[in-house]
Amino acid sequence: MNRCHFFVAAFFVLGGGAAAEDQKPQIDLNTATQQQLESLPGIGPVKAKAIIAAREKAPFKSVDDLDWVPGITPKLLADLRALVQVKTDKPAEEKAAEQPAKDGDEPAPAKKAAAKGAAPRAANPPPAKKPMAKNPPDDPDVAAMADFRARLAALNTAQLKSLLAEKKVDFQRWCELNFISSGGTIKKGFATTREREAALVAAVREWKKKLSAIETVLKEREKAAQ
């Protein structure tokens, strides 16, 4: 009986070890080498170079940004999601160093000197209040679109035309799957919640903005070529 238990335990231990070996660490899209990218399923030299060219113009903010790299289809993106990542969090030490000192705080050397009996330093006058900025803070949507246009600059005219045609087809398929028109109207007879409808309409706007951005870049290049 004990011998049987030993073999069963050994089976699970060995099996768990093999499963752990199969789990590879995710590849960071912003730092991966050409060779690392080519190790991913469905990514060859051409697509790997396209990914590198896109991130050199504007680093990826999320894995979803891959969807607009030439040759990356929705199916391929779905296959890559578990294998890639975009690291955005900085180490705790860097975050602490970037935080501004609070009013009244003294540098570490000054605090040590005070502890040893050094004469206390005169208190700094309170900082003058800065006038409120007239411009609102940076809009993350505007910044994201600027990054998107920067990545488009890495593509030649032929690649842009191919990407535009490819994504127009993807957009139509996405609309059909989600029972929504390209104008952002939910099709009759499709039951949904207000939250879901709002999310779909927002997604349609995002699709159209990016398609429009590609068309704008193509027109700008056509004018420059004349």
Protein backbone atom coordinates (compact mmCIF):
# COMPACT_ATOMS: atom_id res chain seq x y z
CA MET A 1 0.00 0.00 0.00
CA ASN A 2 2.82 2.39 0.94
CA ARG A 3 4.60 1.48 -2.27
CA CYS A 4 1.51 2.39 -4.28
CA HIS A 5 1.28 5.75 -2.53
CA PHE A 6 4.93 6.38 -3.35
CA PHE A 7 4.40 5.89 -7.08
CA VAL A 8 1.29 8.08 -7.09
CA ALA A 9 3.13 10.87 -5.27
CA ALA A 10 6.11 10.56 -7.61
CA PHE A 11 3.77 10.83 -10.62
CA PHE A 12 2.27 14.12 -9.43
CA VAL A 13 5.65 15.57 -8.44
CA LEU A 14 7.20 14.80 -11.80
CA GLY A 15 4.10 15.94 -13.65
CA GLY A 16 4.05 19.24 -11.76
CA GLY A 17 7.72 19.78 -12.53
CA ALA A 18 7.15 19.25 -16.24
CA ALA A 19 4.22 21.65 -16.22
CA ALA A 20 6.34 24.28 -14.47
CA GLU A 21 9.04 23.90 -17.12
CA ASP A 22 6.46 24.40 -19.87
CA GLN A 23 5.42 27.76 -18.41
CA LYS A 24 7.75 30.30 -20.01
CA PRO A 25 8.06 33.87 -18.73
CA GLN A 26 6.14 36.45 -20.72
CA ILE A 27 8.10 38.50 -23.23
CA ASP A 28 8.05 42.26 -22.79
CA LEU A 29 7.05 43.84 -26.10
CA ASN A 30 9.05 47.00 -25.40
CA THR A 31 12.38 45.28 -24.64
CA ALA A 32 12.26 41.95 -26.50
CA THR A 33 14.99 41.29 -29.03
CA GLN A 34 14.36 40.27 -32.63
CA GLN A 35 15.20 36.67 -31.70
CA GLN A 36 12.82 36.66 -28.71
CA LEU A 37 9.97 37.99 -30.81
CA GLU A 38 10.60 35.39 -33.51
CA SER A 39 10.31 32.68 -30.86
CA LEU A 40 6.62 33.56 -30.50
CA PRO A 41 4.11 31.50 -32.50
CA GLY A 42 3.09 33.20 -35.72
CA ILE A 43 5.86 35.82 -35.52
CA GLY A 44 8.54 35.67 -38.19
CA PRO A 45 11.33 38.09 -39.13
CA VAL A 46 9.01 40.51 -40.96
CA LYS A 47 6.45 40.81 -38.15
CA ALA A 48 9.19 41.00 -35.51
CA LYS A 49 10.79 43.92 -37.36
CA ALA A 50 7.38 45.61 -37.64
CA ILE A 51 6.89 45.32 -33.87
CA ILE A 52 10.34 46.76 -33.17
CA ALA A 53 9.81 49.62 -35.64
CA ALA A 54 6.46 50.48 -34.04
CA ARG A 55 7.79 50.58 -30.47
CA GLU A 56 10.78 52.72 -31.51
CA LYS A 57 8.33 55.42 -32.57
CA ALA A 58 6.19 55.09 -29.43
CA PRO A 59 6.51 52.41 -26.71
CA PHE A 60 3.56 50.09 -26.35
CA LYS A 61 1.20 50.99 -23.51
CA SER A 62 -0.66 47.66 -23.60
CA VAL A 63 -0.72 44.38 -25.46
CA ASP A 64 -3.78 45.67 -27.37
CA ASP A 65 -1.48 48.06 -29.26
CA LEU A 66 -0.21 45.03 -31.20
CA ASP A 67 -3.55 44.87 -33.00
CA TRP A 68 -2.49 47.80 -35.19
CA VAL A 69 0.90 46.42 -36.19
CA PRO A 70 0.87 45.17 -39.80
CA GLY A 71 0.31 41.43 -40.01
CA ILE A 72 -1.04 41.01 -36.47
CA THR A 73 -4.56 39.64 -36.91
CA PRO A 74 -7.13 39.47 -34.09
CA LYS A 75 -6.64 35.68 -33.94
CA LEU A 76 -2.86 36.00 -33.70
CA LEU A 77 -3.23 38.67 -31.02
CA ALA A 78 -5.48 36.34 -29.02
CA ASP A 79 -2.83 33.59 -29.27
CA LEU A 80 -0.09 35.97 -28.09
CA ARG A 81 -1.87 37.47 -25.09
CA ALA A 82 -0.68 34.82 -22.64
CA LEU A 83 2.89 34.97 -23.98
CA VAL A 84 3.63 38.70 -24.03
CA GLN A 85 3.28 41.65 -21.70
CA VAL A 86 3.98 45.37 -21.44
CA LYS A 87 5.74 46.36 -18.24
CA THR A 88 4.66 49.79 -17.10
CA ASP A 89 5.27 49.70 -13.34
CA LYS A 90 8.59 51.13 -12.16
CA PRO A 91 10.54 49.63 -9.23
CA ALA A 92 9.61 50.94 -5.79
CA GLU A 93 13.02 52.65 -5.47
CA GLU A 94 12.46 54.67 -8.66
CA LYS A 95 8.95 55.66 -7.59
CA ALA A 96 10.24 56.86 -4.20
CA ALA A 97 13.05 58.86 -5.84
CA GLU A 98 10.59 60.56 -8.20
CA GLN A 99 8.24 61.68 -5.43
CA PRO A 100 8.77 65.39 -4.58
CA ALA A 101 9.82 66.26 -1.05
CA LYS A 102 7.08 67.54 1.21
CA ASP A 103 7.16 71.08 2.57
CA GLY A 104 9.29 71.26 5.70
CA ASP A 105 11.19 68.03 5.00
CA GLU A 106 14.96 68.28 5.36
CA PRO A 107 17.46 66.27 3.35
CA ALA A 108 18.84 63.22 5.09
CA PRO A 109 22.33 64.76 5.80
CA ALA A 110 20.72 67.79 7.44
CA LYS A 111 18.62 65.57 9.68
CA LYS A 112 21.71 63.63 10.76
CA ALA A 113 23.54 66.86 11.56
CA ALA A 114 20.63 68.05 13.66
CA ALA A 115 20.64 64.77 15.56
CA LYS A 116 24.32 65.29 16.47
CA GLY A 117 23.60 68.66 18.08
CA ALA A 118 24.29 70.96 15.15
CA ALA A 119 22.61 74.34 15.20
CA PRO A 120 19.11 74.11 13.75
CA ARG A 121 18.70 75.59 10.30
CA ALA A 122 16.39 78.54 9.86
CA ALA A 123 12.99 77.48 8.63
CA ASN A 124 12.47 78.03 4.94
CA PRO A 125 9.75 80.50 4.04
CA PRO A 126 6.63 78.89 2.64
CA PRO A 127 6.79 78.55 -1.15
CA ALA A 128 4.83 81.06 -3.14
CA LYS A 129 1.58 79.74 -4.50
CA LYS A 130 1.73 79.00 -8.19
CA PRO A 131 -1.10 80.26 -10.35
CA MET A 132 -3.53 77.65 -11.58
CA ALA A 133 -2.65 76.34 -15.02
CA LYS A 134 -5.05 77.53 -17.66
CA ASN A 135 -4.71 74.40 -19.73
CA PRO A 136 -6.33 71.19 -18.45
CA PRO A 137 -4.08 68.18 -17.71
CA ASP A 138 -3.02 66.00 -20.61
CA ASP A 139 -5.87 63.94 -21.98
CA PRO A 140 -4.82 60.25 -21.97
CA ASP A 141 -6.90 59.67 -25.11
CA VAL A 142 -5.05 62.45 -26.92
CA ALA A 143 -1.70 61.05 -25.77
CA ALA A 144 -2.67 57.55 -26.90
CA MET A 145 -3.66 58.82 -30.35
CA ALA A 146 -0.36 60.72 -30.61
CA ASP A 147 1.50 57.48 -29.88
CA PHE A 148 -0.62 55.68 -32.46
CA ARG A 149 0.19 58.26 -35.15
CA ALA A 150 3.86 58.04 -34.22
CA ARG A 151 3.81 54.29 -34.83
CA LEU A 152 2.15 54.84 -38.18
CA ALA A 153 5.14 56.97 -39.16
CA ALA A 154 7.28 53.82 -38.99
CA LEU A 155 5.30 52.26 -41.87
CA ASN A 156 5.82 52.88 -45.55
CA THR A 157 2.93 53.79 -47.84
CA ALA A 158 2.35 50.22 -49.00
CA GLN A 159 2.21 48.98 -45.40
CA LEU A 160 -0.24 51.74 -44.45
CA LYS A 161 -2.58 50.86 -47.32
CA SER A 162 -2.41 47.18 -46.43
CA LEU A 163 -3.06 47.93 -42.75
CA LEU A 164 -6.02 50.16 -43.61
CA ALA A 165 -7.64 47.53 -45.82
CA GLU A 166 -7.01 44.79 -43.26
CA LYS A 167 -8.44 46.75 -40.33
CA LYS A 168 -11.51 47.87 -42.27
CA VAL A 169 -12.37 44.20 -42.74
CA ASP A 170 -11.67 43.49 -39.06
CA PHE A 171 -13.90 46.40 -38.07
CA GLN A 172 -16.82 45.11 -40.12
CA ARG A 173 -16.43 41.62 -38.64
CA TRP A 174 -16.26 43.06 -35.14
CA CYS A 175 -19.46 45.04 -35.75
CA GLU A 176 -21.25 41.93 -37.01
CA LEU A 177 -20.15 39.87 -34.02
CA ASN A 178 -21.32 42.56 -31.60
CA PHE A 179 -24.62 43.34 -33.39
CA ILE A 180 -23.77 47.00 -33.89
CA SER A 181 -23.58 49.10 -37.03
CA SER A 182 -20.44 50.93 -38.13
CA GLY A 183 -22.27 54.11 -37.14
CA GLY A 184 -22.59 52.98 -33.54
CA THR A 185 -26.25 51.88 -33.53
CA ILE A 186 -27.23 48.64 -31.80
CA LYS A 187 -29.15 46.39 -34.17
CA LYS A 188 -32.83 45.85 -33.48
CA GLY A 189 -33.71 42.73 -31.53
CA PHE A 190 -30.36 42.53 -29.75
CA ALA A 191 -30.88 42.75 -26.00
CA THR A 192 -28.11 44.45 -24.04
CA THR A 193 -27.51 46.61 -20.98
CA ARG A 194 -26.84 50.33 -21.01
CA GLU A 195 -23.30 49.76 -19.81
CA ARG A 196 -22.64 47.24 -22.56
CA GLU A 197 -24.15 49.52 -25.19
CA ALA A 198 -22.05 52.46 -24.00
CA ALA A 199 -18.90 50.31 -24.16
CA LEU A 200 -19.72 49.16 -27.70
CA VAL A 201 -20.38 52.70 -28.91
CA ALA A 202 -17.10 53.86 -27.37
CA ALA A 203 -15.28 51.00 -29.09
CA VAL A 204 -16.80 51.98 -32.44
CA ARG A 205 -15.53 55.54 -31.97
CA GLU A 206 -12.07 54.19 -31.16
CA TRP A 207 -12.04 52.02 -34.28
CA LYS A 208 -13.12 54.94 -36.48
CA LYS A 209 -10.58 57.35 -34.98
CA LYS A 210 -7.72 54.97 -35.75
CA LEU A 211 -8.95 54.18 -39.25
CA SER A 212 -9.30 57.91 -39.87
CA ALA A 213 -5.77 58.48 -38.57
CA ILE A 214 -4.37 56.01 -41.10
CA GLU A 215 -6.30 57.69 -43.91
CA THR A 216 -4.99 61.10 -42.81
CA VAL A 217 -1.38 59.91 -42.81
CA LEU A 218 -1.84 58.45 -46.29
CA LYS A 219 -3.29 61.74 -47.59
CA GLU A 220 -0.43 63.69 -46.05
CA ARG A 221 2.08 61.46 -47.81
CA GLU A 222 0.28 61.78 -51.11
CA LYS A 223 0.42 65.57 -50.83
CA ALA A 224 4.11 65.45 -49.91
CA ALA A 225 4.85 63.26 -52.93
CA GLN A 226 3.21 65.72 -55.37
